């Protein structure tokens, strides 16, 4: 249900329970078929089961935790301010809207004017717009690399570029867990979007199940798989509503060691299923817990563009994992400005909330 074309409608992809915003994140938040909150509420959602009554102590907590990325591979945040951000993606310097950049830019007009692409038009998270190319017309895609994974950047009409670099910190954590496990590890990536996280996990040696409600997102992910020369990696690409998928996995008794879920605020699955974050997230996390293997390594939740404190998802995660031990760490993901050359240490730009359970 994530719409990764529009990062938020259901970020089942940054858009739907199936699909981190450009193609329907399970319906989707990133692009695709976004549904207004009013319309989403009026339509039938995917069937839900009752929450399981959990007993025992809640996990320990570690808060607030700020996970910071300063860039990696072909990406870094150059500067921000005046509700905009100036980013470097491989050979291209890009300007995109950023409502949380309330301050003035550190760099002058010379840096901000010397750019390759500018997103204009509707700056709402779910709105559509267009790209302007000041120097020369550019193609829809271009090659990028992060954490050793090659993939395509894309100029989408929902201002996203095919990757959410603030997630680098989660991907690094996941990579470390897979490599250190010294055993087969199964990863479930819900709202997987263009597959970069899935490819990072597969390259580290994991068996991956990637779920997104957008056919377009799945197609992009397969392209990225080929670019990364991971065609033989054990990845299942599933185009389906995320809630329906995990409910079926629960009935089948399938289990996973690491689960990533990056749902949008609102979204639609491929058959019109409606996702509403505040209504469906408790059920989604509850089912995810039932999908854990006996030696589970962690559950990661990221939440974008919602009017809530990190405490809301933190306490939900602790209740969901009651009796499981371990620790729940929650807070914000931020990206640090690093200047034109990627070597400075500037301001931190908040991008999203997160909560993560680990067995400790």
Foldseek 3Di string as FASTA:
>chain_A
DAAQLQCFQWLLQVTFQFAVAGGANLFYHNDDDHDDPVVLVVDAADDFDDFDQFDAAFAAADPDDEAEAQDFFQKGWAWDAPQWTWIGFHPFIEIAGHNQRHHHIPDDPVSVVPGQKYWDDDNPSRDFTAIDGVPDDDDQWDWTDGPLFIAIFGCHRNRGTQDDVLCNRVLVVLLVCLLPVPDEFEEEEGSNFQAPSVVSNQVSPYQYEHGGQGPVRLVRNVRSCVVSVNPVGNYHYYNWRNVVVLVVCLVVLAAGQEYEGSTHCWGAGNVGHIDHCVVCVLRNLLSNVSRHDPNHFKYKYWYFDDPDALVVVQVSNSSSCHPVYFYKHWHWRWHFHQHPVSNRGHDTHTTTIMIMGGND
